Amino acid sequence: MKGNPAGALVAGLRLMKGNPAGVLVAGLRLMKGNPAGVLVAGLRLMKGNPAGVLVAGLCLMKGNPAGALVAGLCLMKGNPAGVLVAGLCLMKGNPAGVLVA
């Protein structure tokens, strides 16, 4: 989500509808070395996850000088057995608020 040059919050943790087995969303965190206050938002599980999938460890990697947005971590359809999604991160060389989704 563009236009977030610096300093935002950690928000928007939510579970989508159609999660029959009670899914845990946990471990939203910012790594060290984030000089400009990065927004972590919109962690969510997609529909069609029959077995309760854990989404954890959303984090920003070092070297993001402009406060990049990490949002919309999601599990793709067709994951029948509770897959762990962890460590969503921004690649190096993202100079200005890039969305990873």
N, C-alpha and C. Protein backbone atom coordinates (compact mmCIF):
# COMPACT_ATOMS: atom_id res chain seq x y z
N MET A 1 0.87 -1.17 0.00
CA MET A 1 0.00 0.00 0.00
C MET A 1 0.90 1.22 0.00
N LYS A 2 0.94 1.88 -1.10
CA LYS A 2 1.88 2.98 -1.26
C LYS A 2 1.49 4.19 -0.44
N GLY A 3 2.44 5.08 -0.30
CA GLY A 3 2.19 6.32 0.41
C GLY A 3 2.39 6.22 1.91
N ASN A 4 3.11 5.20 2.35
CA ASN A 4 3.38 5.07 3.77
C ASN A 4 4.87 5.29 3.99
N PRO A 5 5.36 6.52 3.88
CA PRO A 5 6.82 6.70 3.85
C PRO A 5 7.52 6.40 5.15
N ALA A 6 6.83 6.57 6.28
CA ALA A 6 7.55 6.38 7.53
C ALA A 6 6.62 6.31 8.71
N GLY A 7 6.83 5.33 9.55
CA GLY A 7 6.17 5.36 10.85
C GLY A 7 4.72 4.99 10.74
N ALA A 8 4.41 3.75 11.04
CA ALA A 8 3.02 3.34 11.10
C ALA A 8 2.91 2.28 12.18
N LEU A 9 1.78 1.66 12.22
CA LEU A 9 1.50 0.79 13.34
C LEU A 9 1.51 -0.66 12.94
N VAL A 10 1.36 -1.50 13.90
CA VAL A 10 1.16 -2.91 13.67
C VAL A 10 -0.31 -3.14 13.93
N ALA A 11 -1.03 -3.52 12.85
CA ALA A 11 -2.48 -3.57 12.98
C ALA A 11 -3.08 -4.57 12.01
N GLY A 12 -4.37 -4.78 12.18
CA GLY A 12 -5.15 -5.51 11.19
C GLY A 12 -4.97 -7.01 11.23
N LEU A 13 -4.68 -7.55 12.38
CA LEU A 13 -4.58 -8.99 12.49
C LEU A 13 -5.99 -9.56 12.46
N ARG A 14 -6.28 -10.41 11.48
CA ARG A 14 -7.64 -10.91 11.44
C ARG A 14 -7.73 -12.24 10.72
N LEU A 15 -8.71 -13.00 11.08
CA LEU A 15 -8.98 -14.27 10.43
C LEU A 15 -10.14 -14.10 9.46
N MET A 16 -10.00 -14.66 8.28
CA MET A 16 -11.09 -14.58 7.31
C MET A 16 -12.15 -15.65 7.61
N LYS A 17 -13.30 -15.51 6.95
CA LYS A 17 -14.39 -16.45 7.17
C LYS A 17 -14.04 -17.81 6.56
N GLY A 18 -14.75 -18.83 6.99
CA GLY A 18 -14.58 -20.16 6.42
C GLY A 18 -13.40 -20.91 6.99
N ASN A 19 -13.10 -20.68 8.24
CA ASN A 19 -12.02 -21.39 8.91
C ASN A 19 -12.63 -22.38 9.88
N PRO A 20 -12.91 -23.61 9.45
CA PRO A 20 -13.70 -24.51 10.29
C PRO A 20 -12.98 -25.04 11.51
N ALA A 21 -11.67 -24.90 11.58
CA ALA A 21 -10.95 -25.59 12.64
C ALA A 21 -10.24 -24.67 13.63
N GLY A 22 -10.55 -23.38 13.57
CA GLY A 22 -9.94 -22.48 14.56
C GLY A 22 -8.47 -22.27 14.32
N VAL A 23 -8.13 -21.30 13.51
CA VAL A 23 -6.76 -21.09 13.10
C VAL A 23 -6.09 -20.06 14.00
N LEU A 24 -4.86 -20.33 14.30
CA LEU A 24 -4.08 -19.42 15.13
C LEU A 24 -3.26 -18.47 14.27
N VAL A 25 -3.41 -17.20 14.52
CA VAL A 25 -2.56 -16.20 13.88
C VAL A 25 -1.72 -15.57 14.98
N ALA A 26 -0.43 -15.72 14.86
CA ALA A 26 0.42 -15.29 15.96
C ALA A 26 1.79 -14.85 15.48
N GLY A 27 2.49 -14.20 16.38
CA GLY A 27 3.90 -13.92 16.17
C GLY A 27 4.19 -12.79 15.22
N LEU A 28 3.33 -11.79 15.16
CA LEU A 28 3.61 -10.62 14.34
C LEU A 28 4.72 -9.82 15.01
N ARG A 29 5.81 -9.61 14.30
CA ARG A 29 6.89 -8.89 14.95
C ARG A 29 7.77 -8.19 13.94
N LEU A 30 8.39 -7.14 14.40
CA LEU A 30 9.34 -6.40 13.58
C LEU A 30 10.76 -6.77 13.99
N MET A 31 11.60 -7.00 12.99
CA MET A 31 12.99 -7.30 13.30
C MET A 31 13.77 -6.02 13.60
N LYS A 32 14.97 -6.17 14.15
CA LYS A 32 15.78 -5.00 14.47
C LYS A 32 16.29 -4.33 13.19
N GLY A 33 16.69 -3.11 13.34
CA GLY A 33 17.27 -2.38 12.22
C GLY A 33 16.24 -1.75 11.30
N ASN A 34 15.12 -1.36 11.84
CA ASN A 34 14.08 -0.71 11.07
C ASN A 34 14.06 0.76 11.46
N PRO A 35 14.83 1.61 10.80
CA PRO A 35 15.00 2.97 11.31
C PRO A 35 13.78 3.86 11.17
N ALA A 36 12.82 3.50 10.34
CA ALA A 36 11.77 4.46 10.03
C ALA A 36 10.38 4.04 10.47
N GLY A 37 10.25 2.96 11.22
CA GLY A 37 8.93 2.60 11.70
C GLY A 37 8.07 2.01 10.62
N VAL A 38 8.10 0.70 10.50
CA VAL A 38 7.47 0.03 9.38
C VAL A 38 6.09 -0.49 9.77
N LEU A 39 5.21 -0.46 8.83
CA LEU A 39 3.87 -0.95 9.05
C LEU A 39 3.77 -2.44 8.76
N VAL A 40 3.30 -3.18 9.72
CA VAL A 40 2.98 -4.59 9.51
C VAL A 40 1.48 -4.71 9.69
N ALA A 41 0.79 -5.11 8.65
CA ALA A 41 -0.66 -5.10 8.72
C ALA A 41 -1.26 -6.19 7.86
N GLY A 42 -2.51 -6.50 8.16
CA GLY A 42 -3.31 -7.31 7.27
C GLY A 42 -2.93 -8.77 7.22
N LEU A 43 -2.46 -9.34 8.30
CA LEU A 43 -2.19 -10.77 8.32
C LEU A 43 -3.53 -11.49 8.23
N ARG A 44 -3.66 -12.38 7.25
CA ARG A 44 -4.95 -13.05 7.13
C ARG A 44 -4.81 -14.42 6.51
N LEU A 45 -5.76 -15.25 6.82
CA LEU A 45 -5.83 -16.58 6.22
C LEU A 45 -6.87 -16.59 5.12
N MET A 46 -6.55 -17.22 4.02
CA MET A 46 -7.51 -17.32 2.93
C MET A 46 -8.52 -18.43 3.19
N LYS A 47 -9.59 -18.43 2.40
CA LYS A 47 -10.63 -19.45 2.54
C LYS A 47 -10.10 -20.82 2.11
N GLY A 48 -10.77 -21.85 2.56
CA GLY A 48 -10.45 -23.20 2.12
C GLY A 48 -9.29 -23.83 2.86
N ASN A 49 -9.12 -23.48 4.11
CA ASN A 49 -8.07 -24.07 4.93
C ASN A 49 -8.71 -25.01 5.94
N PRO A 50 -8.91 -26.28 5.59
CA PRO A 50 -9.74 -27.14 6.43
C PRO A 50 -9.12 -27.58 7.72
N ALA A 51 -7.81 -27.39 7.92
CA ALA A 51 -7.18 -28.05 9.05
C ALA A 51 -6.53 -27.14 10.06
N GLY A 52 -6.85 -25.86 10.04
CA GLY A 52 -6.32 -24.99 11.09
C GLY A 52 -4.84 -24.70 10.89
N VAL A 53 -4.55 -23.71 10.10
CA VAL A 53 -3.18 -23.42 9.73
C VAL A 53 -2.61 -22.32 10.62
N LEU A 54 -1.37 -22.48 10.96
CA LEU A 54 -0.68 -21.50 11.77
C LEU A 54 0.03 -20.48 10.88
N VAL A 55 -0.26 -19.24 11.11
CA VAL A 55 0.46 -18.16 10.43
C VAL A 55 1.26 -17.43 11.50
N ALA A 56 2.56 -17.43 11.34
CA ALA A 56 3.39 -16.88 12.41
C ALA A 56 4.65 -16.24 11.85
N GLY A 57 5.20 -15.35 12.64
CA GLY A 57 6.53 -14.85 12.36
C GLY A 57 6.62 -13.89 11.20
N LEU A 58 5.61 -13.07 11.01
CA LEU A 58 5.71 -12.03 9.98
C LEU A 58 6.78 -11.03 10.41
N CYS A 59 7.77 -10.82 9.57
CA CYS A 59 8.85 -9.94 10.00
C CYS A 59 9.45 -9.19 8.82
N LEU A 60 10.02 -8.07 9.13
CA LEU A 60 10.72 -7.28 8.12
C LEU A 60 12.22 -7.53 8.24
N MET A 61 12.86 -7.70 7.11
CA MET A 61 14.30 -7.89 7.13
C MET A 61 15.03 -6.55 7.28
N LYS A 62 16.32 -6.61 7.62
CA LYS A 62 17.10 -5.39 7.80
C LYS A 62 17.33 -4.71 6.45
N GLY A 63 17.67 -3.45 6.53
CA GLY A 63 18.04 -2.71 5.33
C GLY A 63 16.87 -2.12 4.58
N ASN A 64 15.80 -1.78 5.28
CA ASN A 64 14.65 -1.14 4.66
C ASN A 64 14.63 0.31 5.10
N PRO A 65 15.28 1.21 4.37
CA PRO A 65 15.48 2.56 4.91
C PRO A 65 14.23 3.41 4.96
N ALA A 66 13.18 3.06 4.23
CA ALA A 66 12.06 3.98 4.11
C ALA A 66 10.77 3.47 4.71
N GLY A 67 10.83 2.40 5.49
CA GLY A 67 9.61 1.93 6.12
C GLY A 67 8.69 1.27 5.13
N ALA A 68 8.99 0.06 4.79
CA ALA A 68 8.20 -0.64 3.80
C ALA A 68 7.02 -1.34 4.45
N LEU A 69 6.01 -1.55 3.68
CA LEU A 69 4.79 -2.18 4.16
C LEU A 69 4.82 -3.68 3.90
N VAL A 70 4.61 -4.44 4.93
CA VAL A 70 4.42 -5.87 4.76
C VAL A 70 2.97 -6.15 5.11
N ALA A 71 2.22 -6.62 4.14
CA ALA A 71 0.79 -6.79 4.36
C ALA A 71 0.27 -7.98 3.59
N GLY A 72 -0.87 -8.47 4.05
CA GLY A 72 -1.58 -9.48 3.27
C GLY A 72 -0.91 -10.83 3.22
N LEU A 73 -0.29 -11.25 4.29
CA LEU A 73 0.24 -12.60 4.33
C LEU A 73 -0.92 -13.57 4.24
N CYS A 74 -0.88 -14.47 3.27
CA CYS A 74 -2.01 -15.37 3.11
C CYS A 74 -1.57 -16.74 2.66
N LEU A 75 -2.39 -17.70 2.95
CA LEU A 75 -2.15 -19.06 2.50
C LEU A 75 -2.92 -19.29 1.21
N MET A 76 -2.27 -19.91 0.25
CA MET A 76 -2.94 -20.21 -1.01
C MET A 76 -3.94 -21.35 -0.81
N LYS A 77 -4.87 -21.46 -1.75
CA LYS A 77 -5.87 -22.53 -1.67
C LYS A 77 -5.20 -23.89 -1.87
N GLY A 78 -5.85 -24.93 -1.40
CA GLY A 78 -5.39 -26.28 -1.62
C GLY A 78 -4.29 -26.71 -0.67
N ASN A 79 -4.34 -26.22 0.54
CA ASN A 79 -3.38 -26.63 1.56
C ASN A 79 -4.12 -27.52 2.55
N PRO A 80 -4.19 -28.81 2.32
CA PRO A 80 -5.13 -29.63 3.09
C PRO A 80 -4.73 -29.95 4.50
N ALA A 81 -3.49 -29.68 4.91
CA ALA A 81 -3.03 -30.29 6.17
C ALA A 81 -2.33 -29.37 7.13
N GLY A 82 -2.78 -28.15 7.24
CA GLY A 82 -2.22 -27.30 8.29
C GLY A 82 -0.78 -26.91 8.03
N VAL A 83 -0.58 -26.01 7.13
CA VAL A 83 0.76 -25.62 6.72
C VAL A 83 1.20 -24.39 7.50
N LEU A 84 2.45 -24.36 7.83
CA LEU A 84 3.00 -23.21 8.53
C LEU A 84 3.50 -22.18 7.54
N VAL A 85 2.99 -20.98 7.67
CA VAL A 85 3.49 -19.87 6.88
C VAL A 85 4.24 -18.95 7.84
N ALA A 86 5.51 -18.76 7.60
CA ALA A 86 6.33 -18.00 8.54
C ALA A 86 7.39 -17.20 7.80
N GLY A 87 7.79 -16.11 8.44
CA GLY A 87 8.94 -15.39 7.95
C GLY A 87 8.71 -14.65 6.65
N LEU A 88 7.53 -14.09 6.45
CA LEU A 88 7.33 -13.21 5.29
C LEU A 88 8.27 -12.02 5.43
N CYS A 89 9.04 -11.75 4.42
CA CYS A 89 10.02 -10.68 4.55
C CYS A 89 10.20 -9.93 3.24
N LEU A 90 10.71 -8.74 3.37
CA LEU A 90 11.00 -7.92 2.21
C LEU A 90 12.43 -8.19 1.75
N MET A 91 12.60 -8.35 0.46
CA MET A 91 13.93 -8.59 -0.08
C MET A 91 14.76 -7.30 -0.02
N LYS A 92 16.07 -7.43 -0.12
CA LYS A 92 16.94 -6.26 -0.09
C LYS A 92 16.72 -5.40 -1.33
N GLY A 93 17.08 -4.15 -1.21
CA GLY A 93 17.01 -3.25 -2.35
C GLY A 93 15.62 -2.72 -2.61
N ASN A 94 14.83 -2.59 -1.57
CA ASN A 94 13.50 -2.03 -1.70
C ASN A 94 13.54 -0.65 -1.08
N PRO A 95 13.87 0.38 -1.84
CA PRO A 95 14.18 1.66 -1.20
C PRO A 95 12.99 2.44 -0.68
N ALA A 96 11.76 2.11 -1.09
CA ALA A 96 10.68 3.03 -0.76
C ALA A 96 9.32 2.40 -0.60
N GLY A 97 9.06 1.84 0.55
CA GLY A 97 7.70 1.45 0.91
C GLY A 97 7.06 0.48 -0.05
N VAL A 98 7.59 -0.72 -0.12
CA VAL A 98 7.09 -1.70 -1.07
C VAL A 98 6.14 -2.64 -0.37
N LEU A 99 5.12 -3.05 -1.07
CA LEU A 99 4.16 -3.99 -0.52
C LEU A 99 4.58 -5.42 -0.83
N VAL A 100 4.65 -6.23 0.21
CA VAL A 100 4.86 -7.66 0.04
C VAL A 100 3.56 -8.32 0.46
N ALA A 101 2.94 -9.00 -0.48
CA ALA A 101 1.63 -9.58 -0.19
C ALA A 101 1.50 -10.94 -0.84
